[in-house]
């Protein structure tokens, strides 16, 4: 799988910490909704070390905790990353990855490996 970096838009002066890569990968979005868990299929369309943009047909609020699960193309093992909804445009959500534990850090390291593979 190849992915091209998303070039900065001159209209937005905010500098990103990590380059973003355009993708189109199937994901599962998992959200805790009160006393139940909601799981929907979606598409990941941008990814970097700190977060991911996903399209999913689920109503979510900014600040809500979710998990994103996706399977890298070279591995049959899914990666599940905890995150928080950072922004929203329709059903496209910007998710910032949560890195609070050693397990979270391991998942971020797996994402770095995915990014490294996509660059080459």
Protein backbone atom coordinates (compact mmCIF):
# COMPACT_ATOMS: atom_id res chain seq x y z
CA UNK A 1 0.00 0.00 0.00
CA UNK A 2 1.40 3.38 -0.93
CA UNK A 3 0.28 6.62 0.56
CA UNK A 4 1.18 10.16 -0.31
CA UNK A 5 1.63 12.77 2.40
CA UNK A 6 -1.02 15.47 2.63
CA UNK A 7 0.65 18.79 1.93
CA UNK A 8 -0.13 21.67 4.29
CA UNK A 9 -2.96 23.95 3.23
CA UNK A 10 -1.67 27.55 3.19
CA UNK A 11 -5.06 28.76 4.47
CA UNK A 12 -4.37 27.02 7.81
CA UNK A 13 -1.28 28.26 9.62
CA UNK A 14 -1.29 25.46 12.22
CA UNK A 15 1.76 23.27 11.79
CA UNK A 16 1.15 19.58 12.36
CA UNK A 17 3.45 17.56 14.60
CA UNK A 18 3.50 14.64 12.15
CA UNK A 19 2.90 14.30 8.43
CA UNK A 20 -0.51 12.98 7.44
CA UNK A 21 -0.95 10.19 4.94
CA UNK A 22 -3.99 9.78 2.71
CA UNK A 23 -5.42 6.29 2.94
CA UNK A 24 -8.60 4.44 2.26
CA UNK A 25 -8.68 1.57 4.73
CA UNK A 26 -11.56 -0.25 6.35
CA UNK A 27 -11.80 0.37 10.08
CA UNK A 28 -14.11 -0.50 12.95
CA UNK A 29 -15.14 2.33 15.23
CA UNK A 30 -16.05 1.31 18.77
CA UNK A 31 -17.85 3.68 21.15
CA UNK A 32 -19.29 3.19 24.61
CA UNK A 33 -22.83 4.55 24.57
CA UNK A 34 -24.10 4.54 28.14
CA UNK A 35 -24.52 0.91 29.14
CA UNK A 36 -23.93 -0.50 25.65
CA UNK A 37 -21.11 -0.67 23.13
CA UNK A 38 -21.73 0.53 19.57
CA UNK A 39 -19.54 -0.84 16.78
CA UNK A 40 -19.75 0.37 13.18
CA UNK A 41 -17.72 -0.27 10.07
CA UNK A 42 -16.13 2.82 8.58
CA UNK A 43 -13.24 4.08 6.48
CA UNK A 44 -9.98 5.60 7.61
CA UNK A 45 -8.87 8.24 5.15
CA UNK A 46 -5.98 10.04 6.83
CA UNK A 47 -3.49 8.72 9.35
CA UNK A 48 -0.50 9.96 11.28
CA UNK A 49 1.27 9.03 14.47
CA UNK A 50 -1.03 11.19 16.58
CA UNK A 51 -4.42 10.46 15.11
CA UNK A 52 -6.67 9.44 12.29
CA UNK A 53 -9.58 10.82 10.28
CA UNK A 54 -12.42 8.35 9.88
CA UNK A 55 -15.78 8.28 8.18
CA UNK A 56 -18.35 6.32 10.17
CA UNK A 57 -22.15 6.43 10.25
CA UNK A 58 -22.43 6.99 13.98
CA UNK A 59 -23.36 10.08 15.98
CA UNK A 60 -20.39 11.09 18.13
CA UNK A 61 -19.62 14.22 20.11
CA UNK A 62 -16.34 16.11 20.35
CA UNK A 63 -14.57 14.88 23.47
CA UNK A 64 -16.12 11.41 23.32
CA UNK A 65 -13.78 8.44 23.82
CA UNK A 66 -13.69 5.78 21.10
CA UNK A 67 -11.46 3.02 19.81
CA UNK A 68 -10.39 2.60 16.20
CA UNK A 69 -9.48 -0.85 14.96
CA UNK A 70 -7.80 -1.51 11.65
CA UNK A 71 -5.72 -4.24 10.09
CA UNK A 72 -2.50 -3.27 8.29
CA UNK A 73 -2.27 -4.74 4.79
CA UNK A 74 0.89 -6.74 5.54
CA UNK A 75 -0.42 -8.28 8.77
CA UNK A 76 -3.52 -10.21 9.72
CA UNK A 77 -3.37 -8.75 13.24
CA UNK A 78 -5.70 -5.80 13.88
CA UNK A 79 -4.44 -2.80 15.80
CA UNK A 80 -6.87 -1.20 18.23
CA UNK A 81 -6.06 2.33 19.35
CA UNK A 82 -7.90 4.36 21.96
CA UNK A 83 -8.77 7.89 20.99
CA UNK A 84 -10.89 10.94 21.59
CA UNK A 85 -13.03 12.80 19.04
CA UNK A 86 -11.10 15.98 18.32
CA UNK A 87 -13.20 17.45 15.51
CA UNK A 88 -16.11 16.60 13.28
CA UNK A 89 -17.44 17.45 9.85
CA UNK A 90 -20.62 15.52 9.13
CA UNK A 91 -19.79 11.86 9.74
CA UNK A 92 -16.06 12.40 9.28
CA UNK A 93 -14.33 12.50 12.64
CA UNK A 94 -10.84 13.58 13.60
CA UNK A 95 -9.60 11.23 16.30
CA UNK A 96 -6.57 11.99 18.46
CA UNK A 97 -4.90 8.87 19.79
CA UNK A 98 -4.70 8.52 23.59
CA UNK A 99 -1.26 7.55 24.89
CA UNK A 100 -1.50 7.08 28.67
CA UNK A 101 -0.28 3.53 29.26
CA UNK A 102 2.47 1.20 28.08
CA UNK A 103 -0.15 -0.63 26.01
CA UNK A 104 -1.22 2.63 24.37
CA UNK A 105 2.44 3.33 23.59
CA UNK A 106 2.82 -0.14 22.04
CA UNK A 107 -0.14 0.55 19.76
CA UNK A 108 1.35 3.89 18.72
CA UNK A 109 4.60 2.06 17.92
CA UNK A 110 2.62 -0.32 15.72
CA UNK A 111 1.15 2.68 13.92
CA UNK A 112 4.66 4.04 13.35
CA UNK A 113 5.56 0.71 11.76
CA UNK A 114 2.53 0.99 9.46
CA UNK A 115 3.56 4.52 8.49
CA UNK A 116 7.12 3.42 7.86
CA UNK A 117 5.90 0.68 5.53
CA UNK A 118 3.66 3.11 3.64
CA UNK A 119 6.47 5.58 2.98
CA UNK A 120 8.51 3.02 1.01
